[in-house]
PDB file of N, CA and C in Angstrom:
ATOM      1  N   UNK A   1       5.394 -73.024  -3.497  1.00  0.00           N
ATOM      2  CA  UNK A   1       4.467 -73.753  -2.649  1.00  0.00           C
ATOM      3  C   UNK A   1       3.307 -72.839  -2.285  1.00  0.00           C
ATOM      4  N   UNK A   2       2.121 -73.263  -2.570  1.00  0.00           N
ATOM      5  CA  UNK A   2       0.936 -72.465  -2.270  1.00  0.00           C
ATOM      6  C   UNK A   2       0.559 -72.628  -0.802  1.00  0.00           C
ATOM      7  N   UNK A   3      -0.169 -71.648  -0.316  1.00  0.00           N
ATOM      8  CA  UNK A   3      -0.669 -71.689   1.050  1.00  0.00           C
ATOM      9  C   UNK A   3      -2.186 -71.632   0.988  1.00  0.00           C
ATOM     10  N   UNK A   4      -2.819 -71.666   2.142  1.00  0.00           N
ATOM     11  CA  UNK A   4      -4.266 -71.492   2.125  1.00  0.00           C
ATOM     12  C   UNK A   4      -4.563 -70.108   1.573  1.00  0.00           C
ATOM     13  N   UNK A   5      -5.734 -69.920   0.965  1.00  0.00           N
ATOM     14  CA  UNK A   5      -5.984 -68.711   0.183  1.00  0.00           C
ATOM     15  C   UNK A   5      -6.071 -67.403   0.945  1.00  0.00           C
ATOM     16  N   UNK A   6      -6.038 -67.421   2.270  1.00  0.00           N
ATOM     17  CA  UNK A   6      -6.188 -66.148   2.974  1.00  0.00           C
ATOM     18  C   UNK A   6      -5.006 -65.212   2.802  1.00  0.00           C
ATOM     19  N   UNK A   7      -3.854 -65.712   2.428  1.00  0.00           N
ATOM     20  CA  UNK A   7      -2.685 -64.856   2.240  1.00  0.00           C
ATOM     21  C   UNK A   7      -2.937 -63.893   1.078  1.00  0.00           C
ATOM     22  N   UNK A   8      -3.062 -62.612   1.403  1.00  0.00           N
ATOM     23  CA  UNK A   8      -3.276 -61.600   0.378  1.00  0.00           C
ATOM     24  C   UNK A   8      -4.693 -61.552  -0.172  1.00  0.00           C
ATOM     25  N   UNK A   9      -5.610 -62.298   0.413  1.00  0.00           N
ATOM     26  CA  UNK A   9      -6.995 -62.327  -0.070  1.00  0.00           C
ATOM     27  C   UNK A   9      -7.922 -62.114   1.123  1.00  0.00           C
ATOM     28  N   UNK A  10      -8.275 -60.861   1.406  1.00  0.00           N
ATOM     29  CA  UNK A  10      -9.025 -60.561   2.627  1.00  0.00           C
ATOM     30  C   UNK A  10     -10.392 -61.238   2.713  1.00  0.00           C
ATOM     31  N   UNK A  11     -11.100 -61.398   1.611  1.00  0.00           N
ATOM     32  CA  UNK A  11     -12.409 -62.050   1.665  1.00  0.00           C
ATOM     33  C   UNK A  11     -12.258 -63.528   2.013  1.00  0.00           C
ATOM     34  N   UNK A  12     -11.262 -64.174   1.437  1.00  0.00           N
ATOM     35  CA  UNK A  12     -11.005 -65.576   1.774  1.00  0.00           C
ATOM     36  C   UNK A  12     -10.612 -65.697   3.240  1.00  0.00           C
ATOM     37  N   UNK A  13      -9.839 -64.746   3.722  1.00  0.00           N
ATOM     38  CA  UNK A  13      -9.431 -64.743   5.122  1.00  0.00           C
ATOM     39  C   UNK A  13     -10.644 -64.635   6.042  1.00  0.00           C
ATOM     40  N   UNK A  14     -11.568 -63.751   5.701  1.00  0.00           N
ATOM     41  CA  UNK A  14     -12.791 -63.591   6.506  1.00  0.00           C
ATOM     42  C   UNK A  14     -13.622 -64.858   6.492  1.00  0.00           C
ATOM     43  N   UNK A  15     -13.741 -65.483   5.325  1.00  0.00           N
ATOM     44  CA  UNK A  15     -14.515 -66.718   5.217  1.00  0.00           C
ATOM     45  C   UNK A  15     -13.894 -67.820   6.075  1.00  0.00           C
ATOM     46  N   UNK A  16     -12.591 -67.995   5.971  1.00  0.00           N
ATOM     47  CA  UNK A  16     -11.931 -69.037   6.757  1.00  0.00           C
ATOM     48  C   UNK A  16     -12.021 -68.751   8.256  1.00  0.00           C
ATOM     49  N   UNK A  17     -11.957 -67.485   8.638  1.00  0.00           N
ATOM     50  CA  UNK A  17     -12.119 -67.129  10.051  1.00  0.00           C
ATOM     51  C   UNK A  17     -13.539 -67.437  10.518  1.00  0.00           C
ATOM     52  N   UNK A  18     -14.520 -67.201   9.661  1.00  0.00           N
ATOM     53  CA  UNK A  18     -15.918 -67.464  10.013  1.00  0.00           C
ATOM     54  C   UNK A  18     -16.178 -68.954  10.228  1.00  0.00           C
ATOM     55  N   UNK A  19     -15.404 -69.808   9.571  1.00  0.00           N
ATOM     56  CA  UNK A  19     -15.584 -71.253   9.763  1.00  0.00           C
ATOM     57  C   UNK A  19     -15.451 -71.630  11.229  1.00  0.00           C
ATOM     58  N   UNK A  20     -14.589 -70.939  11.935  1.00  0.00           N
ATOM     59  CA  UNK A  20     -14.304 -71.255  13.341  1.00  0.00           C
ATOM     60  C   UNK A  20     -15.430 -70.847  14.290  1.00  0.00           C
ATOM     61  N   UNK A  21     -16.316 -69.975  13.823  1.00  0.00           N
ATOM     62  CA  UNK A  21     -17.396 -69.447  14.661  1.00  0.00           C
ATOM     63  C   UNK A  21     -18.582 -70.409  14.655  1.00  0.00           C
ATOM     64  N   UNK A  22     -18.922 -71.004  15.799  1.00  0.00           N
ATOM     65  CA  UNK A  22     -20.044 -71.943  15.817  1.00  0.00           C
ATOM     66  C   UNK A  22     -21.392 -71.277  15.520  1.00  0.00           C
ATOM     67  N   UNK A  23     -21.454 -69.954  15.609  1.00  0.00           N
ATOM     68  CA  UNK A  23     -22.683 -69.206  15.319  1.00  0.00           C
ATOM     69  C   UNK A  23     -22.580 -68.477  13.981  1.00  0.00           C
ATOM     70  N   UNK A  24     -21.861 -69.057  13.036  1.00  0.00           N
ATOM     71  CA  UNK A  24     -21.553 -68.392  11.770  1.00  0.00           C
ATOM     72  C   UNK A  24     -22.772 -68.160  10.889  1.00  0.00           C
ATOM     73  N   UNK A  25     -23.845 -68.927  11.041  1.00  0.00           N
ATOM     74  CA  UNK A  25     -25.058 -68.699  10.256  1.00  0.00           C
ATOM     75  C   UNK A  25     -25.067 -69.371   8.894  1.00  0.00           C
ATOM     76  N   UNK A  26     -24.103 -70.206   8.593  1.00  0.00           N
ATOM     77  CA  UNK A  26     -24.109 -70.964   7.338  1.00  0.00           C
ATOM     78  C   UNK A  26     -23.485 -72.328   7.582  1.00  0.00           C
ATOM     79  N   UNK A  27     -23.900 -73.290   6.761  1.00  0.00           N
ATOM     80  CA  UNK A  27     -23.338 -74.635   6.891  1.00  0.00           C
ATOM     81  C   UNK A  27     -22.783 -75.157   5.575  1.00  0.00           C
ATOM     82  N   UNK A  28     -22.725 -74.276   4.577  1.00  0.00           N
ATOM     83  CA  UNK A  28     -22.167 -74.649   3.274  1.00  0.00           C
ATOM     84  C   UNK A  28     -21.659 -73.397   2.569  1.00  0.00           C
ATOM     85  N   UNK A  29     -20.695 -73.603   1.682  1.00  0.00           N
ATOM     86  CA  UNK A  29     -20.157 -72.532   0.844  1.00  0.00           C
ATOM     87  C   UNK A  29     -20.164 -73.053  -0.585  1.00  0.00           C
ATOM     88  N   UNK A  30     -20.662 -72.231  -1.507  1.00  0.00           N
ATOM     89  CA  UNK A  30     -20.673 -72.589  -2.924  1.00  0.00           C
ATOM     90  C   UNK A  30     -19.536 -71.849  -3.618  1.00  0.00           C
ATOM     91  N   UNK A  31     -18.702 -72.596  -4.321  1.00  0.00           N
ATOM     92  CA  UNK A  31     -17.611 -72.022  -5.109  1.00  0.00           C
ATOM     93  C   UNK A  31     -18.049 -72.074  -6.561  1.00  0.00           C
ATOM     94  N   UNK A  32     -18.398 -70.929  -7.115  1.00  0.00           N
ATOM     95  CA  UNK A  32     -18.900 -70.880  -8.487  1.00  0.00           C
ATOM     96  C   UNK A  32     -17.828 -71.092  -9.540  1.00  0.00           C
ATOM     97  N   UNK A  33     -16.612 -70.664  -9.256  1.00  0.00           N
ATOM     98  CA  UNK A  33     -15.512 -70.790 -10.216  1.00  0.00           C
ATOM     99  C   UNK A  33     -14.274 -71.309  -9.490  1.00  0.00           C
ATOM    100  N   UNK A  34     -14.142 -72.635  -9.390  1.00  0.00           N
ATOM    101  CA  UNK A  34     -13.007 -73.169  -8.634  1.00  0.00           C
ATOM    102  C   UNK A  34     -11.655 -72.768  -9.204  1.00  0.00           C
ATOM    103  N   UNK A  35     -11.592 -72.533 -10.498  1.00  0.00           N
ATOM    104  CA  UNK A  35     -10.316 -72.142 -11.100  1.00  0.00           C
ATOM    105  C   UNK A  35      -9.872 -70.764 -10.624  1.00  0.00           C
ATOM    106  N   UNK A  36     -10.807 -69.958 -10.118  1.00  0.00           N
ATOM    107  CA  UNK A  36     -10.456 -68.644  -9.577  1.00  0.00           C
ATOM    108  C   UNK A  36     -10.320 -68.660  -8.064  1.00  0.00           C
ATOM    109  N   UNK A  37     -10.930 -69.640  -7.425  1.00  0.00           N
ATOM    110  CA  UNK A  37     -10.927 -69.688  -5.962  1.00  0.00           C
ATOM    111  C   UNK A  37      -9.652 -70.307  -5.396  1.00  0.00           C
ATOM    112  N   UNK A  38      -9.057 -71.239  -6.142  1.00  0.00           N
ATOM    113  CA  UNK A  38      -7.904 -71.974  -5.639  1.00  0.00           C
ATOM    114  C   UNK A  38      -6.810 -72.016  -6.689  1.00  0.00           C
ATOM    115  N   UNK A  39      -5.580 -72.118  -6.230  1.00  0.00           N
ATOM    116  CA  UNK A  39      -4.468 -72.415  -7.139  1.00  0.00           C
ATOM    117  C   UNK A  39      -3.476 -73.282  -6.382  1.00  0.00           C
ATOM    118  N   UNK A  40      -2.653 -73.972  -7.139  1.00  0.00           N
ATOM    119  CA  UNK A  40      -1.674 -74.851  -6.501  1.00  0.00           C
ATOM    120  C   UNK A  40      -2.352 -75.892  -5.629  1.00  0.00           C
ATOM    121  N   UNK A  41      -1.854 -76.030  -4.414  1.00  0.00           N
ATOM    122  CA  UNK A  41      -2.416 -77.024  -3.507  1.00  0.00           C
ATOM    123  C   UNK A  41      -3.405 -76.431  -2.503  1.00  0.00           C
ATOM    124  N   UNK A  42      -3.932 -75.238  -2.780  1.00  0.00           N
ATOM    125  CA  UNK A  42      -4.845 -74.589  -1.842  1.00  0.00           C
ATOM    126  C   UNK A  42      -6.101 -75.406  -1.572  1.00  0.00           C
ATOM    127  N   UNK A  43      -6.650 -76.037  -2.597  1.00  0.00           N
ATOM    128  CA  UNK A  43      -7.855 -76.836  -2.373  1.00  0.00           C
ATOM    129  C   UNK A  43      -7.568 -77.939  -1.359  1.00  0.00           C
ATOM    130  N   UNK A  44      -6.474 -78.639  -1.553  1.00  0.00           N
ATOM    131  CA  UNK A  44      -6.109 -79.719  -0.638  1.00  0.00           C
ATOM    132  C   UNK A  44      -5.838 -79.245   0.777  1.00  0.00           C
ATOM    133  N   UNK A  45      -5.369 -78.012   0.923  1.00  0.00           N
ATOM    134  CA  UNK A  45      -5.113 -77.454   2.249  1.00  0.00           C
ATOM    135  C   UNK A  45      -6.374 -76.895   2.894  1.00  0.00           C
ATOM    136  N   UNK A  46      -7.307 -76.437   2.073  1.00  0.00           N
ATOM    137  CA  UNK A  46      -8.499 -75.764   2.575  1.00  0.00           C
ATOM    138  C   UNK A  46      -9.636 -76.728   2.889  1.00  0.00           C
ATOM    139  N   UNK A  47      -9.833 -77.749   2.064  1.00  0.00           N
ATOM    140  CA  UNK A  47     -10.949 -78.673   2.279  1.00  0.00           C
ATOM    141  C   UNK A  47     -10.950 -79.279   3.684  1.00  0.00           C
ATOM    142  N   UNK A  48      -9.806 -79.670   4.246  1.00  0.00           N
ATOM    143  CA  UNK A  48      -9.838 -80.208   5.617  1.00  0.00           C
ATOM    144  C   UNK A  48     -10.369 -79.214   6.653  1.00  0.00           C
ATOM    145  N   UNK A  49     -10.167 -77.918   6.432  1.00  0.00           N
ATOM    146  CA  UNK A  49     -10.725 -76.919   7.351  1.00  0.00           C
ATOM    147  C   UNK A  49     -12.246 -76.933   7.295  1.00  0.00           C
ATOM    148  N   UNK A  50     -12.791 -76.993   6.083  1.00  0.00           N
ATOM    149  CA  UNK A  50     -14.243 -77.063   5.931  1.00  0.00           C
ATOM    150  C   UNK A  50     -14.779 -78.323   6.615  1.00  0.00           C
ATOM    151  N   UNK A  51     -14.107 -79.439   6.395  1.00  0.00           N
ATOM    152  CA  UNK A  51     -14.513 -80.705   7.026  1.00  0.00           C
ATOM    153  C   UNK A  51     -14.489 -80.593   8.545  1.00  0.00           C
ATOM    154  N   UNK A  52     -13.395 -80.074   9.065  1.00  0.00           N
ATOM    155  CA  UNK A  52     -13.211 -79.980  10.516  1.00  0.00           C
ATOM    156  C   UNK A  52     -14.331 -79.179  11.177  1.00  0.00           C
ATOM    157  N   UNK A  53     -14.749 -78.102  10.530  1.00  0.00           N
ATOM    158  CA  UNK A  53     -15.770 -77.237  11.108  1.00  0.00           C
ATOM    159  C   UNK A  53     -17.181 -77.585  10.643  1.00  0.00           C
ATOM    160  N   UNK A  54     -17.336 -78.683   9.914  1.00  0.00           N
ATOM    161  CA  UNK A  54     -18.665 -79.153   9.524  1.00  0.00           C
ATOM    162  C   UNK A  54     -19.357 -78.305   8.484  1.00  0.00           C
ATOM    163  N   UNK A  55     -18.582 -77.688   7.609  1.00  0.00           N
ATOM    164  CA  UNK A  55     -19.139 -76.851   6.544  1.00  0.00           C
ATOM    165  C   UNK A  55     -18.902 -77.558   5.212  1.00  0.00           C
ATOM    166  N   UNK A  56     -19.981 -77.758   4.458  1.00  0.00           N
ATOM    167  CA  UNK A  56     -19.868 -78.388   3.140  1.00  0.00           C
ATOM    168  C   UNK A  56     -19.331 -77.388   2.131  1.00  0.00           C
ATOM    169  N   UNK A  57     -18.549 -77.881   1.204  1.00  0.00           N
ATOM    170  CA  UNK A  57     -18.039 -77.065   0.105  1.00  0.00           C
ATOM    171  C   UNK A  57     -18.706 -77.575  -1.164  1.00  0.00           C
ATOM    172  N   UNK A  58     -19.508 -76.724  -1.794  1.00  0.00           N
ATOM    173  CA  UNK A  58     -20.251 -77.097  -2.996  1.00  0.00           C
ATOM    174  C   UNK A  58     -19.576 -76.495  -4.213  1.00  0.00           C
ATOM    175  N   UNK A  59     -19.419 -77.320  -5.236  1.00  0.00           N
ATOM    176  CA  UNK A  59     -18.815 -76.902  -6.498  1.00  0.00           C
ATOM    177  C   UNK A  59     -19.676 -77.474  -7.620  1.00  0.00           C
ATOM    178  N   UNK A  60     -20.258 -76.613  -8.474  1.00  0.00           N
ATOM    179  CA  UNK A  60     -21.130 -77.114  -9.543  1.00  0.00           C
ATOM    180  C   UNK A  60     -20.474 -78.181 -10.412  1.00  0.00           C
ATOM    181  N   UNK A  61     -19.173 -78.073 -10.631  1.00  0.00           N
ATOM    182  CA  UNK A  61     -18.476 -79.021 -11.500  1.00  0.00           C
ATOM    183  C   UNK A  61     -18.469 -80.446 -10.953  1.00  0.00           C
ATOM    184  N   UNK A  62     -18.667 -80.615  -9.652  1.00  0.00           N
ATOM    185  CA  UNK A  62     -18.749 -81.966  -9.097  1.00  0.00           C
ATOM    186  C   UNK A  62     -20.195 -82.361  -8.817  1.00  0.00           C
ATOM    187  N   UNK A  63     -21.123 -81.497  -9.182  1.00  0.00           N
ATOM    188  CA  UNK A  63     -22.541 -81.820  -9.040  1.00  0.00           C
ATOM    189  C   UNK A  63     -23.098 -81.608  -7.649  1.00  0.00           C
ATOM    190  N   UNK A  64     -22.442 -80.810  -6.843  1.00  0.00           N
ATOM    191  CA  UNK A  64     -22.932 -80.533  -5.498  1.00  0.00           C
ATOM    192  C   UNK A  64     -21.799 -80.452  -4.502  1.00  0.00           C
ATOM    193  N   UNK A  65     -22.036 -81.050  -3.343  1.00  0.00           N
ATOM    194  CA  UNK A  65     -21.037 -80.999  -2.270  1.00  0.00           C
ATOM    195  C   UNK A  65     -19.823 -81.851  -2.625  1.00  0.00           C
ATOM    196  N   UNK A  66     -18.650 -81.319  -2.345  1.00  0.00           N
ATOM    197  CA  UNK A  66     -17.410 -82.063  -2.563  1.00  0.00           C
ATOM    198  C   UNK A  66     -17.334 -83.173  -1.515  1.00  0.00           C
ATOM    199  N   UNK A  67     -17.097 -84.380  -1.980  1.00  0.00           N
ATOM    200  CA  UNK A  67     -16.911 -85.528  -1.092  1.00  0.00           C
ATOM    201  C   UNK A  67     -15.411 -85.694  -0.863  1.00  0.00           C
ATOM    202  N   UNK A  68     -14.940 -85.438   0.357  1.00  0.00           N
ATOM    203  CA  UNK A  68     -13.503 -85.518   0.618  1.00  0.00           C
ATOM    204  C   UNK A  68     -12.890 -86.885   0.314  1.00  0.00           C
ATOM    205  N   UNK A  69     -13.681 -87.933   0.323  1.00  0.00           N
ATOM    206  CA  UNK A  69     -13.165 -89.262   0.048  1.00  0.00           C
ATOM    207  C   UNK A  69     -13.273 -89.692  -1.399  1.00  0.00           C
ATOM    208  N   UNK A  70     -13.728 -88.795  -2.264  1.00  0.00           N
ATOM    209  CA  UNK A  70     -13.959 -89.149  -3.665  1.00  0.00           C
ATOM    210  C   UNK A  70     -12.754 -88.818  -4.538  1.00  0.00           C
ATOM    211  N   UNK A  71     -12.179 -89.852  -5.137  1.00  0.00           N
ATOM    212  CA  UNK A  71     -11.088 -89.626  -6.085  1.00  0.00           C
ATOM    213  C   UNK A  71     -11.580 -88.855  -7.301  1.00  0.00           C
ATOM    214  N   UNK A  72     -12.831 -89.093  -7.701  1.00  0.00           N
ATOM    215  CA  UNK A  72     -13.398 -88.384  -8.851  1.00  0.00           C
ATOM    216  C   UNK A  72     -13.478 -86.885  -8.572  1.00  0.00           C
ATOM    217  N   UNK A  73     -13.888 -86.508  -7.366  1.00  0.00           N
ATOM    218  CA  UNK A  73     -13.964 -85.090  -7.018  1.00  0.00           C
ATOM    219  C   UNK A  73     -12.567 -84.473  -6.984  1.00  0.00           C
ATOM    220  N   UNK A  74     -11.601 -85.208  -6.451  1.00  0.00           N
ATOM    221  CA  UNK A  74     -10.216 -84.719  -6.454  1.00  0.00           C
ATOM    222  C   UNK A  74      -9.734 -84.480  -7.879  1.00  0.00           C
ATOM    223  N   UNK A  75     -10.063 -85.398  -8.771  1.00  0.00           N
ATOM    224  CA  UNK A  75      -9.655 -85.272 -10.168  1.00  0.00           C
ATOM    225  C   UNK A  75     -10.291 -84.052 -10.816  1.00  0.00           C
ATOM    226  N   UNK A  76     -11.591 -83.866 -10.597  1.00  0.00           N
ATOM    227  CA  UNK A  76     -12.278 -82.704 -11.176  1.00  0.00           C
ATOM    228  C   UNK A  76     -11.640 -81.416 -10.678  1.00  0.00           C
ATOM    229  N   UNK A  77     -11.375 -81.330  -9.380  1.00  0.00           N
ATOM    230  CA  UNK A  77     -10.775 -80.116  -8.836  1.00  0.00           C
ATOM    231  C   UNK A  77      -9.369 -79.916  -9.393  1.00  0.00           C
ATOM    232  N   UNK A  78      -8.636 -80.988  -9.616  1.00  0.00           N
ATOM    233  CA  UNK A  78      -7.297 -80.883 -10.203  1.00  0.00           C
ATOM    234  C   UNK A  78      -7.372 -80.359 -11.632  1.00  0.00           C
ATOM    235  N   UNK A  79      -8.397 -80.765 -12.371  1.00  0.00           N
ATOM    236  CA  UNK A  79      -8.558 -80.295 -13.749  1.00  0.00           C
ATOM    237  C   UNK A  79      -8.814 -78.795 -13.821  1.00  0.00           C
ATOM    238  N   UNK A  80      -9.414 -78.246 -12.776  1.00  0.00           N
ATOM    239  CA  UNK A  80      -9.682 -76.809 -12.742  1.00  0.00           C
ATOM    240  C   UNK A  80      -8.541 -76.029 -12.104  1.00  0.00           C
ATOM    241  N   UNK A  81      -7.433 -76.683 -11.903  1.00  0.00           N
ATOM    242  CA  UNK A  81      -6.274 -75.992 -11.342  1.00  0.00           C
ATOM    243  C   UNK A  81      -6.369 -75.779  -9.860  1.00  0.00           C
ATOM    244  N   UNK A  82      -7.297 -76.500  -9.246  1.00  0.00           N
ATOM    245  CA  UNK A  82      -7.493 -76.310  -7.816  1.00  0.00           C
ATOM    246  C   UNK A  82      -6.675 -77.300  -7.032  1.00  0.00           C
TER     247      UNK A  82
END
């Protein structure tokens, strides 16, 4: 069972911690290689955190910001092992 990516990944941990900061200085994160950023169910566990804190998650493979309600975006992320 996968967990959110901060386990054993200090940069991911810092990014997820920064989401909680209302003065974080960014409102979107671009994931250039989703197959390297997520594995297992990490995408499904992580996207709600981005949503909750009002930060868009952009992935070139979906053509921009991930739409949490889009089955097509879920499918694309699943194809990349995310």
